[in-house]
Amino acid sequence: MSGVISEGAERLRVFLDGTGKLVVAGYFQPPTQQPDGTQVQRAGHIDVVRPQEAFPSDEGPQVVTAGVQNFKSASMKFAFGDRPLAWPDNIQLFVHGTALE
């Protein structure tokens, strides 16, 4: 199965528990309006979700994140921390089958 996970953390746990699927978390940052009325589109963010059996629900799963600083393992909450509108409700999770399944 490939596609978008939209049912939250419980469904995500199923995919992280050794299924061999690639799970990617992404955030599309909406345009912001400047004082002069112009719209500015800033970059969103995307992370690879690490395989794991469990994670704290208030921090989210561990992810691999790249940006100004790179982390081999950080909580999803931390990784999306520079985007205040992202955590916890505006992150989309994408699942893709792999040869490891």
PDB file of N, CA and C in Angstrom:
ATOM      1  N   MET A   1       0.829  -1.178   0.000  1.00  0.00           N
ATOM      2  CA  MET A   1       0.000   0.000   0.000  1.00  0.00           C
ATOM      3  C   MET A   1       0.876   1.244   0.000  1.00  0.00           C
ATOM      4  N   SER A   2       0.527   2.198  -0.809  1.00  0.00           N
ATOM      5  CA  SER A   2       1.168   3.498  -0.818  1.00  0.00           C
ATOM      6  C   SER A   2       0.072   4.533  -0.694  1.00  0.00           C
ATOM      7  N   GLY A   3       0.407   5.706  -0.181  1.00  0.00           N
ATOM      8  CA  GLY A   3      -0.584   6.760  -0.078  1.00  0.00           C
ATOM      9  C   GLY A   3      -0.335   7.657   1.103  1.00  0.00           C
ATOM     10  N   VAL A   4      -1.352   8.457   1.415  1.00  0.00           N
ATOM     11  CA  VAL A   4      -1.272   9.423   2.499  1.00  0.00           C
ATOM     12  C   VAL A   4      -1.963   8.852   3.721  1.00  0.00           C
ATOM     13  N   ILE A   5      -1.320   8.959   4.897  1.00  0.00           N
ATOM     14  CA  ILE A   5      -1.950   8.558   6.153  1.00  0.00           C
ATOM     15  C   ILE A   5      -2.678   9.782   6.683  1.00  0.00           C
ATOM     16  N   SER A   6      -3.956   9.648   6.929  1.00  0.00           N
ATOM     17  CA  SER A   6      -4.686  10.811   7.433  1.00  0.00           C
ATOM     18  C   SER A   6      -5.387  10.523   8.749  1.00  0.00           C
ATOM     19  N   GLU A   7      -5.161   9.361   9.311  1.00  0.00           N
ATOM     20  CA  GLU A   7      -5.887   8.995  10.524  1.00  0.00           C
ATOM     21  C   GLU A   7      -5.070   9.113  11.796  1.00  0.00           C
ATOM     22  N   GLY A   8      -3.928   9.774  11.750  1.00  0.00           N
ATOM     23  CA  GLY A   8      -3.212  10.094  12.974  1.00  0.00           C
ATOM     24  C   GLY A   8      -2.213   9.060  13.444  1.00  0.00           C
ATOM     25  N   ALA A   9      -1.813   9.257  14.697  1.00  0.00           N
ATOM     26  CA  ALA A   9      -0.700   8.515  15.277  1.00  0.00           C
ATOM     27  C   ALA A   9      -0.940   7.015  15.361  1.00  0.00           C
ATOM     28  N   GLU A  10      -2.157   6.579  15.653  1.00  0.00           N
ATOM     29  CA  GLU A  10      -2.399   5.139  15.778  1.00  0.00           C
ATOM     30  C   GLU A  10      -2.140   4.426  14.469  1.00  0.00           C
ATOM     31  N   ARG A  11      -2.570   4.988  13.371  1.00  0.00           N
ATOM     32  CA  ARG A  11      -2.328   4.374  12.073  1.00  0.00           C
ATOM     33  C   ARG A  11      -0.836   4.416  11.738  1.00  0.00           C
ATOM     34  N   LEU A  12      -0.172   5.497  12.102  1.00  0.00           N
ATOM     35  CA  LEU A  12       1.258   5.613  11.845  1.00  0.00           C
ATOM     36  C   LEU A  12       2.022   4.506  12.541  1.00  0.00           C
ATOM     37  N   ARG A  13       1.635   4.157  13.756  1.00  0.00           N
ATOM     38  CA  ARG A  13       2.322   3.099  14.503  1.00  0.00           C
ATOM     39  C   ARG A  13       2.343   1.783  13.725  1.00  0.00           C
ATOM     40  N   VAL A  14       1.281   1.492  13.001  1.00  0.00           N
ATOM     41  CA  VAL A  14       1.209   0.260  12.221  1.00  0.00           C
ATOM     42  C   VAL A  14       2.311   0.237  11.170  1.00  0.00           C
ATOM     43  N   PHE A  15       2.556   1.363  10.515  1.00  0.00           N
ATOM     44  CA  PHE A  15       3.548   1.412   9.450  1.00  0.00           C
ATOM     45  C   PHE A  15       4.977   1.461   9.971  1.00  0.00           C
ATOM     46  N   LEU A  16       5.172   1.892  11.198  1.00  0.00           N
ATOM     47  CA  LEU A  16       6.519   2.001  11.739  1.00  0.00           C
ATOM     48  C   LEU A  16       7.007   0.712  12.375  1.00  0.00           C
ATOM     49  N   ASP A  17       6.140  -0.231  12.566  1.00  0.00           N
ATOM     50  CA  ASP A  17       6.482  -1.445  13.302  1.00  0.00           C
ATOM     51  C   ASP A  17       7.029  -2.532  12.377  1.00  0.00           C
ATOM     52  N   GLY A  18       8.111  -2.218  11.675  1.00  0.00           N
ATOM     53  CA  GLY A  18       8.807  -3.236  10.892  1.00  0.00           C
ATOM     54  C   GLY A  18       8.091  -3.705   9.646  1.00  0.00           C
ATOM     55  N   THR A  19       7.267  -2.881   9.025  1.00  0.00           N
ATOM     56  CA  THR A  19       6.559  -3.310   7.818  1.00  0.00           C
ATOM     57  C   THR A  19       7.423  -3.193   6.579  1.00  0.00           C
ATOM     58  N   GLY A  20       8.528  -2.450   6.658  1.00  0.00           N
ATOM     59  CA  GLY A  20       9.389  -2.265   5.497  1.00  0.00           C
ATOM     60  C   GLY A  20       8.939  -1.142   4.585  1.00  0.00           C
ATOM     61  N   LYS A  21       7.925  -0.395   4.969  1.00  0.00           N
ATOM     62  CA  LYS A  21       7.445   0.713   4.161  1.00  0.00           C
ATOM     63  C   LYS A  21       8.240   1.986   4.463  1.00  0.00           C
ATOM     64  N   LEU A  22       8.389   2.821   3.453  1.00  0.00           N
ATOM     65  CA  LEU A  22       9.007   4.128   3.616  1.00  0.00           C
ATOM     66  C   LEU A  22       7.909   5.112   4.026  1.00  0.00           C
ATOM     67  N   VAL A  23       8.114   5.815   5.136  1.00  0.00           N
ATOM     68  CA  VAL A  23       7.151   6.810   5.606  1.00  0.00           C
ATOM     69  C   VAL A  23       7.855   8.164   5.617  1.00  0.00           C
ATOM     70  N   VAL A  24       7.251   9.127   4.947  1.00  0.00           N
ATOM     71  CA  VAL A  24       7.796  10.477   4.854  1.00  0.00           C
ATOM     72  C   VAL A  24       6.767  11.439   5.432  1.00  0.00           C
ATOM     73  N   ALA A  25       7.226  12.381   6.257  1.00  0.00           N
ATOM     74  CA  ALA A  25       6.353  13.392   6.841  1.00  0.00           C
ATOM     75  C   ALA A  25       6.630  14.719   6.152  1.00  0.00           C
ATOM     76  N   GLY A  26       5.569  15.412   5.740  1.00  0.00           N
ATOM     77  CA  GLY A  26       5.751  16.674   5.047  1.00  0.00           C
ATOM     78  C   GLY A  26       4.800  17.753   5.528  1.00  0.00           C
ATOM     79  N   TYR A  27       5.240  18.991   5.413  1.00  0.00           N
ATOM     80  CA  TYR A  27       4.423  20.149   5.776  1.00  0.00           C
ATOM     81  C   TYR A  27       4.513  21.174   4.656  1.00  0.00           C
ATOM     82  N   PHE A  28       3.367  21.552   4.109  1.00  0.00           N
ATOM     83  CA  PHE A  28       3.282  22.623   3.127  1.00  0.00           C
ATOM     84  C   PHE A  28       2.951  23.901   3.875  1.00  0.00           C
ATOM     85  N   GLN A  29       3.876  24.835   3.865  1.00  0.00           N
ATOM     86  CA  GLN A  29       3.646  26.086   4.587  1.00  0.00           C
ATOM     87  C   GLN A  29       2.793  27.007   3.720  1.00  0.00           C
ATOM     88  N   PRO A  30       1.647  27.438   4.236  1.00  0.00           N
ATOM     89  CA  PRO A  30       0.790  28.311   3.425  1.00  0.00           C
ATOM     90  C   PRO A  30       1.446  29.679   3.223  1.00  0.00           C
ATOM     91  N   PRO A  31       1.078  30.364   2.140  1.00  0.00           N
ATOM     92  CA  PRO A  31       1.625  31.700   1.906  1.00  0.00           C
ATOM     93  C   PRO A  31       1.231  32.652   3.043  1.00  0.00           C
ATOM     94  N   THR A  32       2.092  33.605   3.312  1.00  0.00           N
ATOM     95  CA  THR A  32       1.798  34.618   4.328  1.00  0.00           C
ATOM     96  C   THR A  32       1.660  35.973   3.638  1.00  0.00           C
ATOM     97  N   GLN A  33       0.806  36.793   4.209  1.00  0.00           N
ATOM     98  CA  GLN A  33       0.602  38.121   3.647  1.00  0.00           C
ATOM     99  C   GLN A  33       1.476  39.137   4.378  1.00  0.00           C
ATOM    100  N   GLN A  34       2.205  39.913   3.613  1.00  0.00           N
ATOM    101  CA  GLN A  34       3.077  40.947   4.151  1.00  0.00           C
ATOM    102  C   GLN A  34       2.263  42.215   4.430  1.00  0.00           C
ATOM    103  N   PRO A  35       2.796  43.120   5.243  1.00  0.00           N
ATOM    104  CA  PRO A  35       2.078  44.362   5.540  1.00  0.00           C
ATOM    105  C   PRO A  35       1.676  45.166   4.302  1.00  0.00           C
ATOM    106  N   ASP A  36       2.466  45.034   3.209  1.00  0.00           N
ATOM    107  CA  ASP A  36       2.124  45.772   1.990  1.00  0.00           C
ATOM    108  C   ASP A  36       1.098  45.039   1.125  1.00  0.00           C
ATOM    109  N   GLY A  37       0.618  43.888   1.608  1.00  0.00           N
ATOM    110  CA  GLY A  37      -0.413  43.135   0.898  1.00  0.00           C
ATOM    111  C   GLY A  37       0.100  42.048  -0.025  1.00  0.00           C
ATOM    112  N   THR A  38       1.408  41.967  -0.240  1.00  0.00           N
ATOM    113  CA  THR A  38       1.946  40.923  -1.109  1.00  0.00           C
ATOM    114  C   THR A  38       1.968  39.582  -0.379  1.00  0.00           C
ATOM    115  N   GLN A  39       1.832  38.518  -1.138  1.00  0.00           N
ATOM    116  CA  GLN A  39       1.880  37.160  -0.598  1.00  0.00           C
ATOM    117  C   GLN A  39       3.297  36.617  -0.754  1.00  0.00           C
ATOM    118  N   VAL A  40       3.798  35.977   0.276  1.00  0.00           N
ATOM    119  CA  VAL A  40       5.133  35.369   0.237  1.00  0.00           C
ATOM    120  C   VAL A  40       4.987  33.876   0.516  1.00  0.00           C
ATOM    121  N   GLN A  41       5.546  33.068  -0.386  1.00  0.00           N
ATOM    122  CA  GLN A  41       5.534  31.621  -0.204  1.00  0.00           C
ATOM    123  C   GLN A  41       6.873  31.182   0.363  1.00  0.00           C
ATOM    124  N   ARG A  42       6.872  30.657   1.568  1.00  0.00           N
ATOM    125  CA  ARG A  42       8.097  30.177   2.195  1.00  0.00           C
ATOM    126  C   ARG A  42       8.162  28.645   2.054  1.00  0.00           C
ATOM    127  N   ALA A  43       9.347  28.136   2.283  1.00  0.00           N
ATOM    128  CA  ALA A  43       9.554  26.695   2.145  1.00  0.00           C
ATOM    129  C   ALA A  43       8.831  25.926   3.242  1.00  0.00           C
ATOM    130  N   GLY A  44       8.324  24.770   2.906  1.00  0.00           N
ATOM    131  CA  GLY A  44       7.770  23.850   3.888  1.00  0.00           C
ATOM    132  C   GLY A  44       8.907  22.998   4.446  1.00  0.00           C
ATOM    133  N   HIS A  45       8.588  21.758   4.792  1.00  0.00           N
ATOM    134  CA  HIS A  45       9.624  20.884   5.350  1.00  0.00           C
ATOM    135  C   HIS A  45       9.204  19.436   5.120  1.00  0.00           C
ATOM    136  N   ILE A  46      10.198  18.563   4.993  1.00  0.00           N
ATOM    137  CA  ILE A  46       9.930  17.137   4.810  1.00  0.00           C
ATOM    138  C   ILE A  46      10.981  16.336   5.577  1.00  0.00           C
ATOM    139  N   ASP A  47      10.569  15.227   6.185  1.00  0.00           N
ATOM    140  CA  ASP A  47      11.456  14.353   6.952  1.00  0.00           C
ATOM    141  C   ASP A  47      11.171  12.895   6.599  1.00  0.00           C
ATOM    142  N   VAL A  48      12.166  12.059   6.786  1.00  0.00           N
ATOM    143  CA  VAL A  48      11.988  10.615   6.682  1.00  0.00           C
ATOM    144  C   VAL A  48      11.732  10.085   8.087  1.00  0.00           C
ATOM    145  N   VAL A  49      10.655   9.322   8.256  1.00  0.00           N
ATOM    146  CA  VAL A  49      10.302   8.771   9.560  1.00  0.00           C
ATOM    147  C   VAL A  49      11.085   7.482   9.769  1.00  0.00           C
ATOM    148  N   ARG A  50      11.750   7.383  10.921  1.00  0.00           N
ATOM    149  CA  ARG A  50      12.573   6.208  11.235  1.00  0.00           C
ATOM    150  C   ARG A  50      11.690   5.043  11.696  1.00  0.00           C
ATOM    151  N   PRO A  51      12.042   3.808  11.322  1.00  0.00           N
ATOM    152  CA  PRO A  51      11.315   2.646  11.852  1.00  0.00           C
ATOM    153  C   PRO A  51      11.475   2.578  13.366  1.00  0.00           C
ATOM    154  N   GLN A  52      10.398   2.278  14.073  1.00  0.00           N
ATOM    155  CA  GLN A  52      10.432   2.195  15.533  1.00  0.00           C
ATOM    156  C   GLN A  52       9.182   1.484  16.030  1.00  0.00           C
ATOM    157  N   GLU A  53       9.302   0.885  17.188  1.00  0.00           N
ATOM    158  CA  GLU A  53       8.163   0.153  17.755  1.00  0.00           C
ATOM    159  C   GLU A  53       7.208   1.050  18.505  1.00  0.00           C
ATOM    160  N   ALA A  54       7.707   2.114  19.128  1.00  0.00           N
ATOM    161  CA  ALA A  54       6.842   2.989  19.918  1.00  0.00           C
ATOM    162  C   ALA A  54       7.461   4.375  19.960  1.00  0.00           C
ATOM    163  N   PHE A  55       6.614   5.360  20.260  1.00  0.00           N
ATOM    164  CA  PHE A  55       7.105   6.726  20.412  1.00  0.00           C
ATOM    165  C   PHE A  55       6.156   7.493  21.322  1.00  0.00           C
ATOM    166  N   PRO A  56       6.674   8.528  22.007  1.00  0.00           N
ATOM    167  CA  PRO A  56       5.816   9.329  22.878  1.00  0.00           C
ATOM    168  C   PRO A  56       4.833  10.140  22.033  1.00  0.00           C
ATOM    169  N   SER A  57       3.569  10.072  22.346  1.00  0.00           N
ATOM    170  CA  SER A  57       2.563  10.730  21.522  1.00  0.00           C
ATOM    171  C   SER A  57       2.701  12.248  21.522  1.00  0.00           C
ATOM    172  N   ASP A  58       3.275  12.828  22.576  1.00  0.00           N
ATOM    173  CA  ASP A  58       3.396  14.280  22.613  1.00  0.00           C
ATOM    174  C   ASP A  58       4.603  14.798  21.830  1.00  0.00           C
ATOM    175  N   GLU A  59       5.522  13.925  21.441  1.00  0.00           N
ATOM    176  CA  GLU A  59       6.706  14.326  20.676  1.00  0.00           C
ATOM    177  C   GLU A  59       6.689  13.786  19.250  1.00  0.00           C
ATOM    178  N   GLY A  60       5.885  12.759  19.018  1.00  0.00           N
ATOM    179  CA  GLY A  60       5.856  12.131  17.704  1.00  0.00           C
ATOM    180  C   GLY A  60       7.007  11.171  17.511  1.00  0.00           C
ATOM    181  N   PRO A  61       7.024  10.481  16.379  1.00  0.00           N
ATOM    182  CA  PRO A  61       8.079   9.499  16.115  1.00  0.00           C
ATOM    183  C   PRO A  61       9.415  10.177  15.831  1.00  0.00           C
ATOM    184  N   GLN A  62      10.475   9.383  15.864  1.00  0.00           N
ATOM    185  CA  GLN A  62      11.802   9.861  15.512  1.00  0.00           C
ATOM    186  C   GLN A  62      11.904   9.962  13.987  1.00  0.00           C
ATOM    187  N   VAL A  63      12.556  11.029  13.528  1.00  0.00           N
ATOM    188  CA  VAL A  63      12.709  11.266  12.097  1.00  0.00           C
ATOM    189  C   VAL A  63      14.161  11.602  11.785  1.00  0.00           C
ATOM    190  N   VAL A  64      14.516  11.464  10.525  1.00  0.00           N
ATOM    191  CA  VAL A  64      15.788  11.947  10.008  1.00  0.00           C
ATOM    192  C   VAL A  64      15.467  13.278   9.343  1.00  0.00           C
ATOM    193  N   THR A  65      16.175  14.339   9.739  1.00  0.00           N
ATOM    194  CA  THR A  65      15.832  15.667   9.234  1.00  0.00           C
ATOM    195  C   THR A  65      17.081  16.397   8.753  1.00  0.00           C
ATOM    196  N   ALA A  66      16.929  17.151   7.685  1.00  0.00           N
ATOM    197  CA  ALA A  66      18.023  17.942   7.138  1.00  0.00           C
ATOM    198  C   ALA A  66      17.562  19.381   6.984  1.00  0.00           C
ATOM    199  N   GLY A  67      18.437  20.287   7.287  1.00  0.00           N
ATOM    200  CA  GLY A  67      18.133  21.707   7.181  1.00  0.00           C
ATOM    201  C   GLY A  67      19.386  22.480   7.514  1.00  0.00           C
ATOM    202  N   VAL A  68      19.233  23.587   8.239  1.00  0.00           N
ATOM    203  CA  VAL A  68      20.395  24.334   8.691  1.00  0.00           C
ATOM    204  C   VAL A  68      21.274  23.421   9.532  1.00  0.00           C
ATOM    205  N   GLN A  69      20.624  22.594  10.356  1.00  0.00           N
ATOM    206  CA  GLN A  69      21.319  21.534  11.090  1.00  0.00           C
ATOM    207  C   GLN A  69      20.705  20.203  10.671  1.00  0.00           C
ATOM    208  N   ASN A  70      21.514  19.175  10.596  1.00  0.00           N
ATOM    209  CA  ASN A  70      21.062  17.838  10.227  1.00  0.00           C
ATOM    210  C   ASN A  70      21.036  16.952  11.465  1.00  0.00           C
ATOM    211  N   PHE A  71      20.019  16.088  11.551  1.00  0.00           N
ATOM    212  CA  PHE A  71      19.888  15.173  12.679  1.00  0.00           C
ATOM    213  C   PHE A  71      19.565  13.780  12.158  1.00  0.00           C
ATOM    214  N   LYS A  72      20.332  12.778  12.634  1.00  0.00           N
ATOM    215  CA  LYS A  72      20.041  11.392  12.290  1.00  0.00           C
ATOM    216  C   LYS A  72      18.803  10.896  13.009  1.00  0.00           C
ATOM    217  N   SER A  73      18.507  11.490  14.157  1.00  0.00           N
ATOM    218  CA  SER A  73      17.333  11.087  14.919  1.00  0.00           C
ATOM    219  C   SER A  73      16.885  12.263  15.786  1.00  0.00           C
ATOM    220  N   ALA A  74      15.664  12.725  15.535  1.00  0.00           N
ATOM    221  CA  ALA A  74      15.059  13.810  16.313  1.00  0.00           C
ATOM    222  C   ALA A  74      13.563  13.545  16.361  1.00  0.00           C
ATOM    223  N   SER A  75      12.891  14.059  17.372  1.00  0.00           N
ATOM    224  CA  SER A  75      11.436  13.878  17.414  1.00  0.00           C
ATOM    225  C   SER A  75      10.795  14.695  16.301  1.00  0.00           C
ATOM    226  N   MET A  76       9.656  14.252  15.821  1.00  0.00           N
ATOM    227  CA  MET A  76       8.959  14.966  14.772  1.00  0.00           C
ATOM    228  C   MET A  76       8.590  16.377  15.234  1.00  0.00           C
ATOM    229  N   LYS A  77       8.209  16.509  16.498  1.00  0.00           N
ATOM    230  CA  LYS A  77       7.875  17.825  17.045  1.00  0.00           C
ATOM    231  C   LYS A  77       9.068  18.762  16.940  1.00  0.00           C
ATOM    232  N   PHE A  78      10.257  18.287  17.296  1.00  0.00           N
ATOM    233  CA  PHE A  78      11.470  19.089  17.208  1.00  0.00           C
ATOM    234  C   PHE A  78      11.794  19.434  15.756  1.00  0.00           C
ATOM    235  N   ALA A  79      11.697  18.443  14.875  1.00  0.00           N
ATOM    236  CA  ALA A  79      12.075  18.630  13.476  1.00  0.00           C
ATOM    237  C   ALA A  79      11.214  19.680  12.774  1.00  0.00           C
ATOM    238  N   PHE A  80       9.949  19.768  13.159  1.00  0.00           N
ATOM    239  CA  PHE A  80       9.051  20.750  12.539  1.00  0.00           C
ATOM    240  C   PHE A  80       8.906  22.003  13.411  1.00  0.00           C
ATOM    241  N   GLY A  81       9.765  22.154  14.417  1.00  0.00           N
ATOM    242  CA  GLY A  81       9.651  23.236  15.383  1.00  0.00           C
ATOM    243  C   GLY A  81       9.790  24.637  14.820  1.00  0.00           C
ATOM    244  N   ASP A  82      10.488  24.790  13.700  1.00  0.00           N
ATOM    245  CA  ASP A  82      10.633  26.117  13.089  1.00  0.00           C
ATOM    246  C   ASP A  82       9.391  26.544  12.321  1.00  0.00           C
ATOM    247  N   ARG A  83       8.425  25.655  12.230  1.00  0.00           N
ATOM    248  CA  ARG A  83       7.178  25.949  11.522  1.00  0.00           C
ATOM    249  C   ARG A  83       6.032  25.799  12.523  1.00  0.00           C
ATOM    250  N   PRO A  84       5.698  26.887  13.227  1.00  0.00           N
ATOM    251  CA  PRO A  84       4.751  26.794  14.344  1.00  0.00           C
ATOM    252  C   PRO A  84       3.358  26.284  13.972  1.00  0.00           C
ATOM    253  N   LEU A  85       2.964  26.407  12.728  1.00  0.00           N
ATOM    254  CA  LEU A  85       1.642  25.913  12.333  1.00  0.00           C
ATOM    255  C   LEU A  85       1.649  24.427  11.984  1.00  0.00           C
ATOM    256  N   ALA A  86       2.829  23.826  11.904  1.00  0.00           N
ATOM    257  CA  ALA A  86       2.937  22.435  11.466  1.00  0.00           C
ATOM    258  C   ALA A  86       2.506  21.432  12.530  1.00  0.00           C
ATOM    259  N   TRP A  87       3.146  21.489  13.695  1.00  0.00           N
ATOM    260  CA  TRP A  87       2.940  20.475  14.733  1.00  0.00           C
ATOM    261  C   TRP A  87       1.730  20.821  15.579  1.00  0.00           C
ATOM    262  N   PRO A  88       0.863  19.861  15.875  1.00  0.00           N
ATOM    263  CA  PRO A  88       0.858  18.463  15.448  1.00  0.00           C
ATOM    264  C   PRO A  88      -0.133  18.174  14.323  1.00  0.00           C
ATOM    265  N   ASP A  89      -0.955  19.125  13.949  1.00  0.00           N
ATOM    266  CA  ASP A  89      -2.108  18.809  13.101  1.00  0.00           C
ATOM    267  C   ASP A  89      -1.933  19.012  11.601  1.00  0.00           C
ATOM    268  N   ASN A  90      -0.873  19.628  11.161  1.00  0.00           N
ATOM    269  CA  ASN A  90      -0.761  19.955   9.742  1.00  0.00           C
ATOM    270  C   ASN A  90       0.385  19.250   9.035  1.00  0.00           C
ATOM    271  N   ILE A  91       0.819  18.144   9.590  1.00  0.00           N
ATOM    272  CA  ILE A  91       1.861  17.339   8.966  1.00  0.00           C
ATOM    273  C   ILE A  91       1.193  16.170   8.261  1.00  0.00           C
ATOM    274  N   GLN A  92       1.496  16.029   6.974  1.00  0.00           N
ATOM    275  CA  GLN A  92       0.949  14.898   6.219  1.00  0.00           C
ATOM    276  C   GLN A  92       1.982  13.782   6.188  1.00  0.00           C
ATOM    277  N   LEU A  93       1.507  12.573   6.276  1.00  0.00           N
ATOM    278  CA  LEU A  93       2.378  11.404   6.249  1.00  0.00           C
ATOM    279  C   LEU A  93       2.124  10.631   4.967  1.00  0.00           C
ATOM    280  N   PHE A  94       3.192  10.317   4.260  1.00  0.00           N
ATOM    281  CA  PHE A  94       3.104   9.607   3.002  1.00  0.00           C
ATOM    282  C   PHE A  94       3.798   8.248   3.153  1.00  0.00           C
ATOM    283  N   VAL A  95       3.138   7.206   2.669  1.00  0.00           N
ATOM    284  CA  VAL A  95       3.640   5.839   2.802  1.00  0.00           C
ATOM    285  C   VAL A  95       3.899   5.269   1.411  1.00  0.00           C
ATOM    286  N   HIS A  96       5.024   4.609   1.261  1.00  0.00           N
ATOM    287  CA  HIS A  96       5.346   4.010  -0.028  1.00  0.00           C
ATOM    288  C   HIS A  96       5.933   2.619   0.206  1.00  0.00           C
ATOM    289  N   GLY A  97       5.467   1.668  -0.549  1.00  0.00           N
ATOM    290  CA  GLY A  97       5.981   0.310  -0.464  1.00  0.00           C
ATOM    291  C   GLY A  97       7.438   0.246  -0.932  1.00  0.00           C
ATOM    292  N   THR A  98       8.190  -0.698  -0.377  1.00  0.00           N
ATOM    293  CA  THR A  98       9.584  -0.894  -0.759  1.00  0.00           C
ATOM    294  C   THR A  98       9.850  -2.374  -0.973  1.00  0.00           C
ATOM    295  N   ALA A  99      11.037  -2.696  -1.422  1.00  0.00           N
ATOM    296  CA  ALA A  99      11.439  -4.100  -1.603  1.00  0.00           C
ATOM    297  C   ALA A  99      11.652  -4.802  -0.266  1.00  0.00           C
ATOM    298  N   LEU A 100      11.652  -4.061   0.840  1.00  0.00           N
ATOM    299  CA  LEU A 100      11.870  -4.649   2.158  1.00  0.00           C
ATOM    300  C   LEU A 100      10.611  -5.262   2.761  1.00  0.00           C
ATOM    301  N   GLU A 101       9.478  -5.060   2.126  1.00  0.00           N
ATOM    302  CA  GLU A 101       8.210  -5.579   2.679  1.00  0.00           C
ATOM    303  C   GLU A 101       8.162  -7.085   2.611  1.00  0.00           C
TER     304      GLU A 101
END
